[in-house]
Every structure is written in C-alpha cells, then in structure tokens.
Amino acid sequence: MTTLTTPDKQALGDAYQALHSSLLGWLIAKVNDRSVAEDLLHDVFRKALMASDQKAPPANINAWLFTITRNTVIDYYRSKRPMLELPEELQFNDEQNNVHQQLSVCLLPMVERLPAIYRDVLIAVVFEGHTQQVAADEEGVSLSAIKSRVSRGRQLLRKSLVACCDIETSGSGDVEDFYQKFPSCDC
C-alpha cells in the first residue's frame, strides 16, 4: 500500500481549493439543497483522500474529482430510491418452505429404494448439485446416458411419491401441501 506523499497531498489540497466552489455549485444544481450538497462535497474529498492513500492520484486530478463527484451524486440518489416490495407470490413463504422441508425428508427414503443406476445419478445431480457432465465423467458414460438416467430416475421418484402422497400444487406448479395416503408410507 502506497501512502500519499506530501506533493500528492499538496496537489489534492490545491485541487480542493480550486474546485471547491465549482463542484459545490454543480452539486447544488443536482440535489437542490445546499446542506446536502455540502455533505456530498465533504464525501467527495473524503473518498479522494481514501483513494489517494491506496494509490497516487491520476495526472488529471480535476477530472478525477469530478468523476468522484458524479458517482457520489449517483450513490446519493440510489440510496434515496424507495425499496419496492416483492409481489406476494415472490415473497419468501415460511409455510411453503416448511412443506418443502417435510417433503424432502420423504424423498430421501424413496430415492434410496430406487435402482442403483438411477439412485446414484439422482443423488449426485439433484441432491449434491453436480452437473450432469460431471456425473457422466464420474460414471464413465456419455452425457446423453446420464440425462436419460436422471429423467428416468425422476419419473420413478415421482411415481413413488404419487403412490404414497396426495400433493397439492399452486397454479405455477409449486408444492403447497401434501398428505400421506397410507400410514405405511415413509412420509
């Protein structure tokens, strides 16, 4: 880390003196509030000093300070922008998450009962997050063979799940709830 030398600090101080009123005027025009503009100008020179502690200021300090000023105004307006609330259908739903957790507990025993050729690939791709290409490389088979095994494994898993549980889904296909059909099911 390079520390700002005295000539660099002097150049930054000179630029501050020379540009203070013009940058302040520009900021006032952008934010329509002198007090806010003065605070932003203070932030500009604080950022410039912090940046100059990391590295020497560029050759054209005036342009550099103006760029920092412009970016500071952009940051100011971004921070003032109201946060939009997500539509209800996109919000995190604890109840739905709980249903997914309960259902995932049911799925694991069902996956364990699948034939090994499908079970191993589903565990690698779906539960461990491996890509199908990685699974193909690990199994020593082609990508299309893995895709077929994943598809067939999902079909068998779906068949086991539907045989064991009644599943309620939303219009978009998300699982909303499920009920065990038989007490002997793993769910």
C-alpha atoms as a PDB file:
ATOM      1  CA  MET A   1       0.000   0.000   0.000  1.00  0.00           C
ATOM      2  CA  THR A   2       1.442   3.333  -1.060  1.00  0.00           C
ATOM      3  CA  THR A   3       0.958   6.262   1.277  1.00  0.00           C
ATOM      4  CA  LEU A   4       0.136   9.622  -0.223  1.00  0.00           C
ATOM      5  CA  THR A   5       3.293  11.705  -0.303  1.00  0.00           C
ATOM      6  CA  THR A   6       3.405  15.365   0.631  1.00  0.00           C
ATOM      7  CA  PRO A   7       3.437  16.579  -3.006  1.00  0.00           C
ATOM      8  CA  ASP A   8       0.366  14.388  -3.718  1.00  0.00           C
ATOM      9  CA  LYS A   9      -1.443  15.751  -0.668  1.00  0.00           C
ATOM     10  CA  GLN A  10      -0.487  19.240  -1.744  1.00  0.00           C
ATOM     11  CA  ALA A  11      -1.851  18.629  -5.268  1.00  0.00           C
ATOM     12  CA  LEU A  12      -5.107  17.271  -3.830  1.00  0.00           C
ATOM     13  CA  GLY A  13      -5.334  20.234  -1.448  1.00  0.00           C
ATOM     14  CA  ASP A  14      -4.723  22.658  -4.325  1.00  0.00           C
ATOM     15  CA  ALA A  15      -7.418  20.930  -6.383  1.00  0.00           C
ATOM     16  CA  TYR A  16      -9.797  21.166  -3.430  1.00  0.00           C
ATOM     17  CA  GLN A  17      -9.206  24.921  -3.162  1.00  0.00           C
ATOM     18  CA  ALA A  18      -9.541  25.454  -6.915  1.00  0.00           C
ATOM     19  CA  LEU A  19     -12.617  23.260  -7.460  1.00  0.00           C
ATOM     20  CA  HIS A  20     -14.489  23.649  -4.181  1.00  0.00           C
ATOM     21  CA  SER A  21     -16.905  26.353  -5.369  1.00  0.00           C
ATOM     22  CA  SER A  22     -17.489  24.892  -8.834  1.00  0.00           C
ATOM     23  CA  LEU A  23     -18.112  21.364  -7.502  1.00  0.00           C
ATOM     24  CA  LEU A  24     -20.362  22.757  -4.768  1.00  0.00           C
ATOM     25  CA  GLY A  25     -22.334  24.736  -7.363  1.00  0.00           C
ATOM     26  CA  TRP A  26     -22.685  21.645  -9.548  1.00  0.00           C
ATOM     27  CA  LEU A  27     -23.840  19.581  -6.558  1.00  0.00           C
ATOM     28  CA  ILE A  28     -26.382  22.233  -5.528  1.00  0.00           C
ATOM     29  CA  ALA A  29     -27.776  22.168  -9.065  1.00  0.00           C
ATOM     30  CA  LYS A  30     -28.083  18.370  -8.905  1.00  0.00           C
ATOM     31  CA  VAL A  31     -29.619  17.959  -5.433  1.00  0.00           C
ATOM     32  CA  ASN A  32     -31.382  21.336  -4.962  1.00  0.00           C
ATOM     33  CA  ASP A  33     -30.264  21.567  -1.325  1.00  0.00           C
ATOM     34  CA  ARG A  34     -27.151  23.442  -0.204  1.00  0.00           C
ATOM     35  CA  SER A  35     -26.790  21.469   3.026  1.00  0.00           C
ATOM     36  CA  VAL A  36     -26.960  18.119   1.221  1.00  0.00           C
ATOM     37  CA  ALA A  37     -24.574  19.412  -1.459  1.00  0.00           C
ATOM     38  CA  GLU A  38     -22.029  20.415   1.211  1.00  0.00           C
ATOM     39  CA  ASP A  39     -22.303  16.972   2.815  1.00  0.00           C
ATOM     40  CA  LEU A  40     -21.804  15.314  -0.567  1.00  0.00           C
ATOM     41  CA  LEU A  41     -18.787  17.517  -1.324  1.00  0.00           C
ATOM     42  CA  HIS A  42     -17.306  16.503   2.007  1.00  0.00           C
ATOM     43  CA  ASP A  43     -17.848  12.850   0.997  1.00  0.00           C
ATOM     44  CA  VAL A  44     -16.167  13.519  -2.362  1.00  0.00           C
ATOM     45  CA  PHE A  45     -12.969  14.760  -0.767  1.00  0.00           C
ATOM     46  CA  ARG A  46     -13.062  12.052   1.898  1.00  0.00           C
ATOM     47  CA  LYS A  47     -13.282   9.446  -0.884  1.00  0.00           C
ATOM     48  CA  ALA A  48     -10.495  11.188  -2.791  1.00  0.00           C
ATOM     49  CA  LEU A  49      -8.227  11.149   0.265  1.00  0.00           C
ATOM     50  CA  MET A  50      -9.002   7.499   0.965  1.00  0.00           C
ATOM     51  CA  ALA A  51      -8.356   6.552  -2.661  1.00  0.00           C
ATOM     52  CA  SER A  52      -5.130   8.534  -2.739  1.00  0.00           C
ATOM     53  CA  ASP A  53      -3.909   6.619   0.329  1.00  0.00           C
ATOM     54  CA  GLN A  54      -4.229   3.450  -1.742  1.00  0.00           C
ATOM     55  CA  LYS A  55      -2.549   4.812  -4.856  1.00  0.00           C
ATOM     56  CA  ALA A  56      -1.279   8.086  -6.251  1.00  0.00           C
ATOM     57  CA  PRO A  57      -3.923  10.412  -7.715  1.00  0.00           C
ATOM     58  CA  PRO A  58      -4.108  10.420 -11.511  1.00  0.00           C
ATOM     59  CA  ALA A  59      -2.380  13.055 -13.591  1.00  0.00           C
ATOM     60  CA  ASN A  60      -5.639  14.948 -14.187  1.00  0.00           C
ATOM     61  CA  ILE A  61      -6.847  15.448 -10.618  1.00  0.00           C
ATOM     62  CA  ASN A  62      -9.648  17.797 -11.696  1.00  0.00           C
ATOM     63  CA  ALA A  63     -11.285  15.182 -13.942  1.00  0.00           C
ATOM     64  CA  TRP A  64     -10.769  12.535 -11.264  1.00  0.00           C
ATOM     65  CA  LEU A  65     -12.501  14.693  -8.628  1.00  0.00           C
ATOM     66  CA  PHE A  66     -15.378  15.424 -10.986  1.00  0.00           C
ATOM     67  CA  THR A  67     -15.823  11.694 -11.624  1.00  0.00           C
ATOM     68  CA  ILE A  68     -15.885  11.027  -7.879  1.00  0.00           C
ATOM     69  CA  THR A  69     -18.432  13.860  -7.511  1.00  0.00           C
ATOM     70  CA  ARG A  70     -20.674  12.467 -10.246  1.00  0.00           C
ATOM     71  CA  ASN A  71     -20.520   8.964  -8.745  1.00  0.00           C
ATOM     72  CA  THR A  72     -21.292  10.366  -5.295  1.00  0.00           C
ATOM     73  CA  VAL A  73     -24.449  12.046  -6.637  1.00  0.00           C
ATOM     74  CA  ILE A  74     -25.488   8.772  -8.282  1.00  0.00           C
ATOM     75  CA  ASP A  75     -24.936   6.929  -4.983  1.00  0.00           C
ATOM     76  CA  TYR A  76     -26.947   9.603  -3.152  1.00  0.00           C
ATOM     77  CA  TYR A  77     -29.960   9.190  -5.428  1.00  0.00           C
ATOM     78  CA  ARG A  78     -29.726   5.406  -5.339  1.00  0.00           C
ATOM     79  CA  SER A  79     -29.813   5.475  -1.559  1.00  0.00           C
ATOM     80  CA  LYS A  80     -32.925   7.691  -1.658  1.00  0.00           C
ATOM     81  CA  ARG A  81     -34.782   5.433  -4.069  1.00  0.00           C
ATOM     82  CA  PRO A  82     -37.614   3.646  -2.280  1.00  0.00           C
ATOM     83  CA  MET A  83     -37.283  -0.079  -1.911  1.00  0.00           C
ATOM     84  CA  LEU A  84     -40.018  -1.905  -3.770  1.00  0.00           C
ATOM     85  CA  GLU A  85     -41.762  -4.739  -2.013  1.00  0.00           C
ATOM     86  CA  LEU A  86     -41.801  -8.051  -3.812  1.00  0.00           C
ATOM     87  CA  PRO A  87     -45.185  -9.198  -5.072  1.00  0.00           C
ATOM     88  CA  GLU A  88     -46.781 -11.651  -2.655  1.00  0.00           C
ATOM     89  CA  GLU A  89     -46.243 -14.632  -4.950  1.00  0.00           C
ATOM     90  CA  LEU A  90     -42.480 -13.964  -4.984  1.00  0.00           C
ATOM     91  CA  GLN A  91     -42.043 -13.379  -1.255  1.00  0.00           C
ATOM     92  CA  PHE A  92     -40.393 -15.979   0.922  1.00  0.00           C
ATOM     93  CA  ASN A  93     -43.080 -18.107   2.478  1.00  0.00           C
ATOM     94  CA  ASP A  94     -42.175 -19.890   5.734  1.00  0.00           C
ATOM     95  CA  GLU A  95     -45.149 -22.236   5.443  1.00  0.00           C
ATOM     96  CA  GLN A  96     -44.202 -23.224   1.893  1.00  0.00           C
ATOM     97  CA  ASN A  97     -40.576 -23.671   2.944  1.00  0.00           C
ATOM     98  CA  ASN A  98     -41.723 -25.925   5.798  1.00  0.00           C
ATOM     99  CA  VAL A  99     -43.728 -28.050   3.340  1.00  0.00           C
ATOM    100  CA  HIS A 100     -40.648 -28.358   1.108  1.00  0.00           C
ATOM    101  CA  GLN A 101     -38.518 -29.421   4.079  1.00  0.00           C
ATOM    102  CA  GLN A 102     -41.063 -32.041   5.131  1.00  0.00           C
ATOM    103  CA  LEU A 103     -41.364 -33.322   1.584  1.00  0.00           C
ATOM    104  CA  SER A 104     -37.592 -33.532   1.183  1.00  0.00           C
ATOM    105  CA  VAL A 105     -37.484 -35.785   4.272  1.00  0.00           C
ATOM    106  CA  CYS A 106     -39.940 -38.101   2.473  1.00  0.00           C
ATOM    107  CA  LEU A 107     -37.986 -38.099  -0.754  1.00  0.00           C
ATOM    108  CA  LEU A 108     -34.705 -39.407   0.597  1.00  0.00           C
ATOM    109  CA  PRO A 109     -36.016 -42.872   1.601  1.00  0.00           C
ATOM    110  CA  MET A 110     -37.793 -43.072  -1.756  1.00  0.00           C
ATOM    111  CA  VAL A 111     -34.576 -42.205  -3.586  1.00  0.00           C
ATOM    112  CA  GLU A 112     -32.710 -44.817  -1.529  1.00  0.00           C
ATOM    113  CA  ARG A 113     -35.136 -47.503  -2.786  1.00  0.00           C
ATOM    114  CA  LEU A 114     -34.539 -46.659  -6.469  1.00  0.00           C
ATOM    115  CA  PRO A 115     -32.340 -48.992  -8.527  1.00  0.00           C
ATOM    116  CA  ALA A 116     -28.673 -48.049  -8.044  1.00  0.00           C
ATOM    117  CA  ILE A 117     -28.271 -46.883 -11.655  1.00  0.00           C
ATOM    118  CA  TYR A 118     -30.861 -44.122 -11.063  1.00  0.00           C
ATOM    119  CA  ARG A 119     -30.287 -43.554  -7.338  1.00  0.00           C
ATOM    120  CA  ASP A 120     -26.594 -42.691  -7.641  1.00  0.00           C
ATOM    121  CA  VAL A 121     -27.131 -40.266 -10.516  1.00  0.00           C
ATOM    122  CA  LEU A 122     -30.099 -38.530  -8.843  1.00  0.00           C
ATOM    123  CA  ILE A 123     -28.183 -38.105  -5.597  1.00  0.00           C
ATOM    124  CA  ALA A 124     -25.196 -36.651  -7.463  1.00  0.00           C
ATOM    125  CA  VAL A 125     -27.153 -34.321  -9.759  1.00  0.00           C
ATOM    126  CA  VAL A 126     -30.229 -33.324  -7.750  1.00  0.00           C
ATOM    127  CA  PHE A 127     -29.120 -33.508  -4.129  1.00  0.00           C
ATOM    128  CA  GLU A 128     -25.375 -32.828  -4.338  1.00  0.00           C
ATOM    129  CA  GLY A 129     -25.660 -30.280  -7.162  1.00  0.00           C
ATOM    130  CA  HIS A 130     -23.187 -31.865  -9.586  1.00  0.00           C
ATOM    131  CA  THR A 131     -23.638 -31.072 -13.250  1.00  0.00           C
ATOM    132  CA  GLN A 132     -24.796 -33.869 -15.491  1.00  0.00           C
ATOM    133  CA  GLN A 133     -21.462 -33.682 -17.317  1.00  0.00           C
ATOM    134  CA  VAL A 134     -19.550 -34.250 -14.058  1.00  0.00           C
ATOM    135  CA  ALA A 135     -21.841 -37.185 -13.243  1.00  0.00           C
ATOM    136  CA  ALA A 136     -21.221 -38.624 -16.719  1.00  0.00           C
ATOM    137  CA  ASP A 137     -17.462 -38.322 -16.233  1.00  0.00           C
ATOM    138  CA  GLU A 138     -17.647 -39.960 -12.792  1.00  0.00           C
ATOM    139  CA  GLU A 139     -19.806 -42.821 -14.079  1.00  0.00           C
ATOM    140  CA  GLY A 140     -17.743 -43.216 -17.245  1.00  0.00           C
ATOM    141  CA  VAL A 141     -20.773 -42.930 -19.522  1.00  0.00           C
ATOM    142  CA  SER A 142     -21.978 -40.433 -22.106  1.00  0.00           C
ATOM    143  CA  LEU A 143     -23.839 -37.245 -21.207  1.00  0.00           C
ATOM    144  CA  SER A 144     -26.952 -38.492 -23.001  1.00  0.00           C
ATOM    145  CA  ALA A 145     -26.900 -41.673 -20.881  1.00  0.00           C
ATOM    146  CA  ILE A 146     -26.800 -39.575 -17.697  1.00  0.00           C
ATOM    147  CA  LYS A 147     -29.625 -37.367 -18.962  1.00  0.00           C
ATOM    148  CA  SER A 148     -31.705 -40.474 -19.584  1.00  0.00           C
ATOM    149  CA  ARG A 149     -30.909 -41.861 -16.129  1.00  0.00           C
ATOM    150  CA  VAL A 150     -31.816 -38.563 -14.440  1.00  0.00           C
ATOM    151  CA  SER A 151     -35.072 -38.364 -16.376  1.00  0.00           C
ATOM    152  CA  ARG A 152     -35.994 -41.991 -15.686  1.00  0.00           C
ATOM    153  CA  GLY A 153     -34.980 -41.651 -12.025  1.00  0.00           C
ATOM    154  CA  ARG A 154     -37.198 -38.583 -11.641  1.00  0.00           C
ATOM    155  CA  GLN A 155     -40.097 -40.450 -13.246  1.00  0.00           C
ATOM    156  CA  LEU A 156     -39.671 -43.366 -10.837  1.00  0.00           C
ATOM    157  CA  LEU A 157     -39.363 -40.985  -7.889  1.00  0.00           C
ATOM    158  CA  ARG A 158     -42.492 -39.096  -8.955  1.00  0.00           C
ATOM    159  CA  LYS A 159     -44.358 -42.410  -9.303  1.00  0.00           C
ATOM    160  CA  SER A 160     -43.325 -43.443  -5.761  1.00  0.00           C
ATOM    161  CA  LEU A 161     -44.286 -40.055  -4.358  1.00  0.00           C
ATOM    162  CA  VAL A 162     -47.713 -40.006  -6.030  1.00  0.00           C
ATOM    163  CA  ALA A 163     -48.368 -43.581  -4.862  1.00  0.00           C
ATOM    164  CA  CYS A 164     -47.608 -42.546  -1.283  1.00  0.00           C
ATOM    165  CA  CYS A 165     -48.912 -38.963  -1.047  1.00  0.00           C
ATOM    166  CA  ASP A 166     -51.618 -36.638  -2.304  1.00  0.00           C
ATOM    167  CA  ILE A 167     -49.869 -33.453  -3.381  1.00  0.00           C
ATOM    168  CA  GLU A 168     -51.496 -30.027  -3.669  1.00  0.00           C
ATOM    169  CA  THR A 169     -49.800 -27.625  -6.062  1.00  0.00           C
ATOM    170  CA  SER A 170     -50.309 -23.977  -6.941  1.00  0.00           C
ATOM    171  CA  GLY A 171     -51.151 -22.784 -10.428  1.00  0.00           C
ATOM    172  CA  SER A 172     -47.437 -22.371 -11.100  1.00  0.00           C
ATOM    173  CA  GLY A 173     -46.700 -25.955 -10.045  1.00  0.00           C
ATOM    174  CA  ASP A 174     -45.178 -25.196  -6.623  1.00  0.00           C
ATOM    175  CA  VAL A 175     -45.972 -27.731  -3.910  1.00  0.00           C
ATOM    176  CA  GLU A 176     -48.316 -26.135  -1.371  1.00  0.00           C
ATOM    177  CA  ASP A 177     -49.103 -29.159   0.791  1.00  0.00           C
ATOM    178  CA  PHE A 178     -49.080 -32.942   0.788  1.00  0.00           C
ATOM    179  CA  TYR A 179     -50.886 -35.699   2.670  1.00  0.00           C
ATOM    180  CA  GLN A 180     -49.900 -39.273   3.319  1.00  0.00           C
ATOM    181  CA  LYS A 181     -52.228 -41.788   1.648  1.00  0.00           C
ATOM    182  CA  PHE A 182     -51.204 -44.744   3.801  1.00  0.00           C
ATOM    183  CA  PRO A 183     -49.674 -44.949   7.279  1.00  0.00           C
ATOM    184  CA  SER A 184     -47.062 -47.347   5.924  1.00  0.00           C
ATOM    185  CA  CYS A 185     -45.582 -44.659   3.646  1.00  0.00           C
ATOM    186  CA  ASP A 186     -42.264 -43.102   4.600  1.00  0.00           C
ATOM    187  CA  CYS A 187     -43.754 -39.601   4.729  1.00  0.00           C
END
